[in-house]
PDB file of N, CA and C in Angstrom:
ATOM      1  N   MET A   1      56.775  -4.116  34.848  1.00  0.00           N
ATOM      2  CA  MET A   1      56.007  -3.940  33.650  1.00  0.00           C
ATOM      3  C   MET A   1      56.782  -4.550  32.496  1.00  0.00           C
ATOM      4  N   SER A   2      56.084  -5.321  31.707  1.00  0.00           N
ATOM      5  CA  SER A   2      56.786  -5.957  30.602  1.00  0.00           C
ATOM      6  C   SER A   2      56.804  -5.012  29.403  1.00  0.00           C
ATOM      7  N   GLU A   3      57.890  -5.070  28.714  1.00  0.00           N
ATOM      8  CA  GLU A   3      58.018  -4.234  27.529  1.00  0.00           C
ATOM      9  C   GLU A   3      57.507  -4.993  26.313  1.00  0.00           C
ATOM     10  N   ILE A   4      56.969  -4.254  25.356  1.00  0.00           N
ATOM     11  CA  ILE A   4      56.443  -4.843  24.129  1.00  0.00           C
ATOM     12  C   ILE A   4      57.559  -4.838  23.098  1.00  0.00           C
ATOM     13  N   SER A   5      57.723  -5.967  22.451  1.00  0.00           N
ATOM     14  CA  SER A   5      58.795  -6.055  21.454  1.00  0.00           C
ATOM     15  C   SER A   5      58.374  -5.365  20.165  1.00  0.00           C
ATOM     16  N   LEU A   6      59.349  -5.069  19.350  1.00  0.00           N
ATOM     17  CA  LEU A   6      59.126  -4.414  18.069  1.00  0.00           C
ATOM     18  C   LEU A   6      58.273  -5.297  17.160  1.00  0.00           C
ATOM     19  N   THR A   7      58.472  -6.590  17.206  1.00  0.00           N
ATOM     20  CA  THR A   7      57.701  -7.529  16.390  1.00  0.00           C
ATOM     21  C   THR A   7      56.233  -7.502  16.804  1.00  0.00           C
ATOM     22  N   GLU A   8      55.997  -7.446  18.096  1.00  0.00           N
ATOM     23  CA  GLU A   8      54.614  -7.405  18.585  1.00  0.00           C
ATOM     24  C   GLU A   8      53.938  -6.089  18.194  1.00  0.00           C
ATOM     25  N   ILE A   9      54.675  -5.014  18.232  1.00  0.00           N
ATOM     26  CA  ILE A   9      54.135  -3.714  17.814  1.00  0.00           C
ATOM     27  C   ILE A   9      53.780  -3.756  16.326  1.00  0.00           C
ATOM     28  N   GLU A  10      54.672  -4.311  15.517  1.00  0.00           N
ATOM     29  CA  GLU A  10      54.401  -4.413  14.078  1.00  0.00           C
ATOM     30  C   GLU A  10      53.162  -5.273  13.829  1.00  0.00           C
ATOM     31  N   HIS A  11      53.058  -6.376  14.564  1.00  0.00           N
ATOM     32  CA  HIS A  11      51.908  -7.261  14.415  1.00  0.00           C
ATOM     33  C   HIS A  11      50.607  -6.524  14.778  1.00  0.00           C
ATOM     34  N   ARG A  12      50.625  -5.779  15.869  1.00  0.00           N
ATOM     35  CA  ARG A  12      49.447  -5.022  16.281  1.00  0.00           C
ATOM     36  C   ARG A  12      49.100  -3.927  15.269  1.00  0.00           C
ATOM     37  N   LEU A  13      50.101  -3.293  14.709  1.00  0.00           N
ATOM     38  CA  LEU A  13      49.888  -2.253  13.715  1.00  0.00           C
ATOM     39  C   LEU A  13      49.252  -2.835  12.449  1.00  0.00           C
ATOM     40  N   ILE A  14      49.743  -3.988  12.017  1.00  0.00           N
ATOM     41  CA  ILE A  14      49.175  -4.654  10.843  1.00  0.00           C
ATOM     42  C   ILE A  14      47.714  -5.030  11.118  1.00  0.00           C
ATOM     43  N   GLN A  15      47.472  -5.559  12.315  1.00  0.00           N
ATOM     44  CA  GLN A  15      46.108  -5.935  12.696  1.00  0.00           C
ATOM     45  C   GLN A  15      45.199  -4.702  12.723  1.00  0.00           C
ATOM     46  N   ALA A  16      45.701  -3.582  13.248  1.00  0.00           N
ATOM     47  CA  ALA A  16      44.914  -2.348  13.308  1.00  0.00           C
ATOM     48  C   ALA A  16      44.612  -1.842  11.896  1.00  0.00           C
ATOM     49  N   GLU A  17      45.578  -1.916  10.984  1.00  0.00           N
ATOM     50  CA  GLU A  17      45.356  -1.497   9.601  1.00  0.00           C
ATOM     51  C   GLU A  17      44.289  -2.354   8.929  1.00  0.00           C
ATOM     52  N   GLU A  18      44.322  -3.664   9.187  1.00  0.00           N
ATOM     53  CA  GLU A  18      43.299  -4.547   8.613  1.00  0.00           C
ATOM     54  C   GLU A  18      41.914  -4.212   9.161  1.00  0.00           C
ATOM     55  N   ASN A  19      41.843  -3.935  10.451  1.00  0.00           N
ATOM     56  CA  ASN A  19      40.569  -3.556  11.062  1.00  0.00           C
ATOM     57  C   ASN A  19      40.036  -2.248  10.479  1.00  0.00           C
ATOM     58  N   ILE A  20      40.945  -1.292  10.265  1.00  0.00           N
ATOM     59  CA  ILE A  20      40.539  -0.003   9.690  1.00  0.00           C
ATOM     60  C   ILE A  20      40.030  -0.193   8.263  1.00  0.00           C
ATOM     61  N   LYS A  21      40.708  -1.023   7.472  1.00  0.00           N
ATOM     62  CA  LYS A  21      40.246  -1.295   6.105  1.00  0.00           C
ATOM     63  C   LYS A  21      38.867  -1.943   6.120  1.00  0.00           C
ATOM     64  N   GLU A  22      38.660  -2.866   7.049  1.00  0.00           N
ATOM     65  CA  GLU A  22      37.363  -3.530   7.164  1.00  0.00           C
ATOM     66  C   GLU A  22      36.273  -2.530   7.532  1.00  0.00           C
ATOM     67  N   LEU A  23      36.581  -1.630   8.480  1.00  0.00           N
ATOM     68  CA  LEU A  23      35.610  -0.610   8.870  1.00  0.00           C
ATOM     69  C   LEU A  23      35.273   0.319   7.717  1.00  0.00           C
ATOM     70  N   PHE A  24      36.286   0.749   6.974  1.00  0.00           N
ATOM     71  CA  PHE A  24      36.040   1.604   5.818  1.00  0.00           C
ATOM     72  C   PHE A  24      35.176   0.889   4.789  1.00  0.00           C
ATOM     73  N   GLY A  25      35.413  -0.388   4.586  1.00  0.00           N
ATOM     74  CA  GLY A  25      34.589  -1.160   3.663  1.00  0.00           C
ATOM     75  C   GLY A  25      33.144  -1.204   4.103  1.00  0.00           C
ATOM     76  N   LYS A  26      32.928  -1.396   5.398  1.00  0.00           N
ATOM     77  CA  LYS A  26      31.560  -1.426   5.922  1.00  0.00           C
ATOM     78  C   LYS A  26      30.886  -0.066   5.789  1.00  0.00           C
ATOM     79  N   PHE A  27      31.611   1.000   6.093  1.00  0.00           N
ATOM     80  CA  PHE A  27      31.043   2.341   5.980  1.00  0.00           C
ATOM     81  C   PHE A  27      30.712   2.674   4.529  1.00  0.00           C
ATOM     82  N   ASN A  28      31.555   2.282   3.603  1.00  0.00           N
ATOM     83  CA  ASN A  28      31.271   2.520   2.189  1.00  0.00           C
ATOM     84  C   ASN A  28      30.021   1.754   1.762  1.00  0.00           C
ATOM     85  N   GLY A  29      29.862   0.538   2.248  1.00  0.00           N
ATOM     86  CA  GLY A  29      28.657  -0.237   1.940  1.00  0.00           C
ATOM     87  C   GLY A  29      27.413   0.412   2.504  1.00  0.00           C
ATOM     88  N   ILE A  30      27.523   0.901   3.735  1.00  0.00           N
ATOM     89  CA  ILE A  30      26.388   1.577   4.371  1.00  0.00           C
ATOM     90  C   ILE A  30      26.051   2.852   3.614  1.00  0.00           C
ATOM     91  N   ASP A  31      27.076   3.580   3.195  1.00  0.00           N
ATOM     92  CA  ASP A  31      26.863   4.817   2.462  1.00  0.00           C
ATOM     93  C   ASP A  31      26.140   4.553   1.147  1.00  0.00           C
ATOM     94  N   LYS A  32      26.549   3.511   0.437  1.00  0.00           N
ATOM     95  CA  LYS A  32      25.888   3.170  -0.827  1.00  0.00           C
ATOM     96  C   LYS A  32      24.443   2.738  -0.575  1.00  0.00           C
ATOM     97  N   SER A  33      24.217   1.986   0.491  1.00  0.00           N
ATOM     98  CA  SER A  33      22.853   1.568   0.833  1.00  0.00           C
ATOM     99  C   SER A  33      21.988   2.773   1.192  1.00  0.00           C
ATOM    100  N   LEU A  34      22.567   3.728   1.890  1.00  0.00           N
ATOM    101  CA  LEU A  34      21.837   4.926   2.270  1.00  0.00           C
ATOM    102  C   LEU A  34      21.441   5.732   1.036  1.00  0.00           C
ATOM    103  N   VAL A  35      22.338   5.847   0.076  1.00  0.00           N
ATOM    104  CA  VAL A  35      22.024   6.563  -1.158  1.00  0.00           C
ATOM    105  C   VAL A  35      20.893   5.852  -1.904  1.00  0.00           C
ATOM    106  N   ALA A  36      20.955   4.530  -1.992  1.00  0.00           N
ATOM    107  CA  ALA A  36      19.908   3.769  -2.677  1.00  0.00           C
ATOM    108  C   ALA A  36      18.571   3.919  -1.949  1.00  0.00           C
ATOM    109  N   THR A  37      18.600   3.875  -0.622  1.00  0.00           N
ATOM    110  CA  THR A  37      17.377   4.016   0.165  1.00  0.00           C
ATOM    111  C   THR A  37      16.793   5.411   0.001  1.00  0.00           C
ATOM    112  N   THR A  38      17.625   6.425   0.013  1.00  0.00           N
ATOM    113  CA  THR A  38      17.167   7.802  -0.161  1.00  0.00           C
ATOM    114  C   THR A  38      16.531   7.980  -1.532  1.00  0.00           C
ATOM    115  N   THR A  39      17.156   7.416  -2.551  1.00  0.00           N
ATOM    116  CA  THR A  39      16.597   7.504  -3.904  1.00  0.00           C
ATOM    117  C   THR A  39      15.235   6.824  -3.969  1.00  0.00           C
ATOM    118  N   THR A  40      15.132   5.655  -3.359  1.00  0.00           N
ATOM    119  CA  THR A  40      13.858   4.934  -3.345  1.00  0.00           C
ATOM    120  C   THR A  40      12.788   5.733  -2.604  1.00  0.00           C
ATOM    121  N   LEU A  41      13.136   6.301  -1.472  1.00  0.00           N
ATOM    122  CA  LEU A  41      12.173   7.096  -0.702  1.00  0.00           C
ATOM    123  C   LEU A  41      11.736   8.334  -1.474  1.00  0.00           C
ATOM    124  N   ASN A  42      12.651   8.988  -2.161  1.00  0.00           N
ATOM    125  CA  ASN A  42      12.289  10.156  -2.959  1.00  0.00           C
ATOM    126  C   ASN A  42      11.328   9.769  -4.076  1.00  0.00           C
ATOM    127  N   THR A  43      11.567   8.617  -4.693  1.00  0.00           N
ATOM    128  CA  THR A  43      10.673   8.129  -5.736  1.00  0.00           C
ATOM    129  C   THR A  43       9.293   7.842  -5.158  1.00  0.00           C
ATOM    130  N   LEU A  44       9.252   7.198  -3.999  1.00  0.00           N
ATOM    131  CA  LEU A  44       7.974   6.902  -3.350  1.00  0.00           C
ATOM    132  C   LEU A  44       7.226   8.178  -2.975  1.00  0.00           C
ATOM    133  N   LEU A  45       7.944   9.182  -2.490  1.00  0.00           N
ATOM    134  CA  LEU A  45       7.301  10.449  -2.146  1.00  0.00           C
ATOM    135  C   LEU A  45       6.705  11.122  -3.383  1.00  0.00           C
ATOM    136  N   ALA A  46       7.421  11.050  -4.505  1.00  0.00           N
ATOM    137  CA  ALA A  46       6.900  11.618  -5.748  1.00  0.00           C
ATOM    138  C   ALA A  46       5.632  10.877  -6.187  1.00  0.00           C
ATOM    139  N   LEU A  47       5.652   9.552  -6.072  1.00  0.00           N
ATOM    140  CA  LEU A  47       4.478   8.764  -6.446  1.00  0.00           C
ATOM    141  C   LEU A  47       3.292   9.062  -5.536  1.00  0.00           C
ATOM    142  N   VAL A  48       3.549   9.224  -4.250  1.00  0.00           N
ATOM    143  CA  VAL A  48       2.473   9.558  -3.313  1.00  0.00           C
ATOM    144  C   VAL A  48       1.882  10.921  -3.667  1.00  0.00           C
ATOM    145  N   GLY A  49       2.722  11.860  -4.050  1.00  0.00           N
ATOM    146  CA  GLY A  49       2.234  13.170  -4.477  1.00  0.00           C
ATOM    147  C   GLY A  49       1.350  13.067  -5.713  1.00  0.00           C
ATOM    148  N   GLU A  50       1.777  12.244  -6.672  1.00  0.00           N
ATOM    149  CA  GLU A  50       0.972  12.046  -7.882  1.00  0.00           C
ATOM    150  C   GLU A  50      -0.364  11.378  -7.542  1.00  0.00           C
ATOM    151  N   LEU A  51      -0.332  10.393  -6.661  1.00  0.00           N
ATOM    152  CA  LEU A  51      -1.573   9.725  -6.246  1.00  0.00           C
ATOM    153  C   LEU A  51      -2.519  10.692  -5.546  1.00  0.00           C
ATOM    154  N   LYS A  52      -1.963  11.541  -4.707  1.00  0.00           N
ATOM    155  CA  LYS A  52      -2.782  12.515  -3.994  1.00  0.00           C
ATOM    156  C   LYS A  52      -3.442  13.469  -4.985  1.00  0.00           C
ATOM    157  N   ALA A  53      -2.684  13.925  -5.971  1.00  0.00           N
ATOM    158  CA  ALA A  53      -3.244  14.822  -6.984  1.00  0.00           C
ATOM    159  C   ALA A  53      -4.342  14.123  -7.788  1.00  0.00           C
ATOM    160  N   ALA A  54      -4.107  12.854  -8.135  1.00  0.00           N
ATOM    161  CA  ALA A  54      -5.106  12.107  -8.900  1.00  0.00           C
ATOM    162  C   ALA A  54      -6.378  11.911  -8.084  1.00  0.00           C
ATOM    163  N   ILE A  55      -6.240  11.632  -6.803  1.00  0.00           N
ATOM    164  CA  ILE A  55      -7.412  11.452  -5.935  1.00  0.00           C
ATOM    165  C   ILE A  55      -8.192  12.756  -5.814  1.00  0.00           C
ATOM    166  N   GLU A  56      -7.493  13.855  -5.661  1.00  0.00           N
ATOM    167  CA  GLU A  56      -8.171  15.150  -5.577  1.00  0.00           C
ATOM    168  C   GLU A  56      -8.919  15.452  -6.872  1.00  0.00           C
ATOM    169  N   GLU A  57      -8.319  15.096  -8.008  1.00  0.00           N
ATOM    170  CA  GLU A  57      -8.979  15.297  -9.295  1.00  0.00           C
ATOM    171  C   GLU A  57     -10.245  14.443  -9.393  1.00  0.00           C
ATOM    172  N   LEU A  58     -10.143  13.194  -8.939  1.00  0.00           N
ATOM    173  CA  LEU A  58     -11.314  12.322  -8.959  1.00  0.00           C
ATOM    174  C   LEU A  58     -12.412  12.836  -8.043  1.00  0.00           C
ATOM    175  N   LYS A  59     -12.041  13.357  -6.893  1.00  0.00           N
ATOM    176  CA  LYS A  59     -13.032  13.912  -5.977  1.00  0.00           C
ATOM    177  C   LYS A  59     -13.765  15.086  -6.618  1.00  0.00           C
ATOM    178  N   SER A  60     -13.015  15.972  -7.250  1.00  0.00           N
ATOM    179  CA  SER A  60     -13.651  17.132  -7.866  1.00  0.00           C
ATOM    180  C   SER A  60     -14.473  16.720  -9.080  1.00  0.00           C
ATOM    181  N   ARG A  61     -14.024  15.715  -9.828  1.00  0.00           N
ATOM    182  CA  ARG A  61     -14.770  15.247 -10.994  1.00  0.00           C
ATOM    183  C   ARG A  61     -16.098  14.640 -10.561  1.00  0.00           C
ATOM    184  N   ARG A  62     -16.079  13.882  -9.480  1.00  0.00           N
ATOM    185  CA  ARG A  62     -17.300  13.259  -8.982  1.00  0.00           C
ATOM    186  C   ARG A  62     -18.311  14.327  -8.592  1.00  0.00           C
ATOM    187  N   SER A  63     -17.875  15.361  -7.899  1.00  0.00           N
ATOM    188  CA  SER A  63     -18.807  16.414  -7.500  1.00  0.00           C
ATOM    189  C   SER A  63     -19.291  17.185  -8.722  1.00  0.00           C
ATOM    190  N   THR A  64     -18.461  17.331  -9.731  1.00  0.00           N
ATOM    191  CA  THR A  64     -18.886  17.989 -10.963  1.00  0.00           C
ATOM    192  C   THR A  64     -19.985  17.183 -11.645  1.00  0.00           C
ATOM    193  N   LEU A  65     -19.840  15.859 -11.668  1.00  0.00           N
ATOM    194  CA  LEU A  65     -20.871  15.016 -12.259  1.00  0.00           C
ATOM    195  C   LEU A  65     -22.187  15.127 -11.495  1.00  0.00           C
ATOM    196  N   TRP A  66     -22.100  15.147 -10.161  1.00  0.00           N
ATOM    197  CA  TRP A  66     -23.310  15.299  -9.359  1.00  0.00           C
ATOM    198  C   TRP A  66     -23.948  16.658  -9.611  1.00  0.00           C
ATOM    199  N   ASP A  67     -23.140  17.706  -9.725  1.00  0.00           N
ATOM    200  CA  ASP A  67     -23.678  19.039 -10.008  1.00  0.00           C
ATOM    201  C   ASP A  67     -24.424  19.043 -11.332  1.00  0.00           C
ATOM    202  N   LYS A  68     -23.835  18.426 -12.352  1.00  0.00           N
ATOM    203  CA  LYS A  68     -24.493  18.366 -13.660  1.00  0.00           C
ATOM    204  C   LYS A  68     -25.815  17.605 -13.563  1.00  0.00           C
ATOM    205  N   LEU A  69     -25.812  16.504 -12.836  1.00  0.00           N
ATOM    206  CA  LEU A  69     -27.029  15.713 -12.680  1.00  0.00           C
ATOM    207  C   LEU A  69     -28.120  16.504 -11.963  1.00  0.00           C
ATOM    208  N   ILE A  70     -27.744  17.200 -10.910  1.00  0.00           N
ATOM    209  CA  ILE A  70     -28.716  17.991 -10.147  1.00  0.00           C
ATOM    210  C   ILE A  70     -29.261  19.129 -11.007  1.00  0.00           C
ATOM    211  N   PHE A  71     -28.385  19.827 -11.746  1.00  0.00           N
ATOM    212  CA  PHE A  71     -28.858  20.906 -12.607  1.00  0.00           C
ATOM    213  C   PHE A  71     -29.760  20.385 -13.716  1.00  0.00           C
ATOM    214  N   ALA A  72     -29.446  19.206 -14.249  1.00  0.00           N
ATOM    215  CA  ALA A  72     -30.305  18.607 -15.268  1.00  0.00           C
ATOM    216  C   ALA A  72     -31.671  18.269 -14.675  1.00  0.00           C
ATOM    217  N   PHE A  73     -31.681  17.736 -13.451  1.00  0.00           N
ATOM    218  CA  PHE A  73     -32.943  17.411 -12.783  1.00  0.00           C
ATOM    219  C   PHE A  73     -33.756  18.669 -12.507  1.00  0.00           C
ATOM    220  N   ILE A  74     -33.096  19.706 -12.031  1.00  0.00           N
ATOM    221  CA  ILE A  74     -33.795  20.972 -11.761  1.00  0.00           C
ATOM    222  C   ILE A  74     -34.333  21.560 -13.062  1.00  0.00           C
ATOM    223  N   GLY A  75     -33.526  21.500 -14.104  1.00  0.00           N
ATOM    224  CA  GLY A  75     -33.982  22.011 -15.404  1.00  0.00           C
ATOM    225  C   GLY A  75     -35.179  21.248 -15.928  1.00  0.00           C
ATOM    226  N   ALA A  76     -35.153  19.924 -15.789  1.00  0.00           N
ATOM    227  CA  ALA A  76     -36.282  19.108 -16.243  1.00  0.00           C
ATOM    228  C   ALA A  76     -37.520  19.401 -15.417  1.00  0.00           C
ATOM    229  N   ALA A  77     -37.349  19.548 -14.111  1.00  0.00           N
ATOM    230  CA  ALA A  77     -38.491  19.859 -13.243  1.00  0.00           C
ATOM    231  C   ALA A  77     -39.065  21.231 -13.582  1.00  0.00           C
ATOM    232  N   ALA A  78     -38.182  22.200 -13.834  1.00  0.00           N
ATOM    233  CA  ALA A  78     -38.647  23.542 -14.189  1.00  0.00           C
ATOM    234  C   ALA A  78     -39.376  23.507 -15.533  1.00  0.00           C
ATOM    235  N   SER A  79     -38.855  22.776 -16.484  1.00  0.00           N
ATOM    236  CA  SER A  79     -39.523  22.656 -17.787  1.00  0.00           C
ATOM    237  C   SER A  79     -40.884  21.999 -17.648  1.00  0.00           C
ATOM    238  N   ALA A  80     -40.953  20.961 -16.830  1.00  0.00           N
ATOM    239  CA  ALA A  80     -42.223  20.275 -16.626  1.00  0.00           C
ATOM    240  C   ALA A  80     -43.227  21.202 -15.948  1.00  0.00           C
ATOM    241  N   ALA A  81     -42.762  22.013 -14.980  1.00  0.00           N
ATOM    242  CA  ALA A  81     -43.661  22.939 -14.277  1.00  0.00           C
ATOM    243  C   ALA A  81     -44.159  24.012 -15.233  1.00  0.00           C
ATOM    244  N   VAL A  82     -43.267  24.573 -16.031  1.00  0.00           N
ATOM    245  CA  VAL A  82     -43.656  25.617 -16.980  1.00  0.00           C
ATOM    246  C   VAL A  82     -44.636  25.035 -17.994  1.00  0.00           C
ATOM    247  N   THR A  83     -44.372  23.845 -18.502  1.00  0.00           N
ATOM    248  CA  THR A  83     -45.261  23.212 -19.468  1.00  0.00           C
ATOM    249  C   THR A  83     -46.636  22.942 -18.839  1.00  0.00           C
ATOM    250  N   HIS A  84     -46.633  22.504 -17.592  1.00  0.00           N
ATOM    251  CA  HIS A  84     -47.889  22.209 -16.894  1.00  0.00           C
ATOM    252  C   HIS A  84     -48.719  23.466 -16.682  1.00  0.00           C
ATOM    253  N   PHE A  85     -48.068  24.564 -16.233  1.00  0.00           N
ATOM    254  CA  PHE A  85     -48.791  25.788 -15.909  1.00  0.00           C
ATOM    255  C   PHE A  85     -49.188  26.569 -17.153  1.00  0.00           C
ATOM    256  N   THR A  86     -48.484  26.423 -18.243  1.00  0.00           N
ATOM    257  CA  THR A  86     -48.859  27.140 -19.468  1.00  0.00           C
ATOM    258  C   THR A  86     -49.853  26.356 -20.301  1.00  0.00           C
ATOM    259  N   GLY A  87     -50.151  25.153 -19.870  1.00  0.00           N
ATOM    260  CA  GLY A  87     -51.163  24.355 -20.535  1.00  0.00           C
ATOM    261  C   GLY A  87     -50.624  23.644 -21.763  1.00  0.00           C
ATOM    262  N   GLY A  88     -49.349  23.524 -21.887  1.00  0.00           N
ATOM    263  CA  GLY A  88     -48.756  22.929 -23.071  1.00  0.00           C
ATOM    264  C   GLY A  88     -48.632  21.497 -22.953  1.00  0.00           C
TER     265      GLY A  88
END
């Protein structure tokens, strides 16, 4: 079995330290990207919630308008019937 010299050990240690620094740099970049992505997703979720609320409001407003129209039609029909039957 061949023995490893002290110089070779130092060289390998330096290489390992450089690799570790590179890995830490990559992990820090990934971490920053993850934070940015999470922030963007949270913003999108808030916007989707606002859109959902606005759509629900529009749905209820539309039915309210139809209700008013139907009640106006019924009222007009009732007025016309009363006027017709009372001879007015």
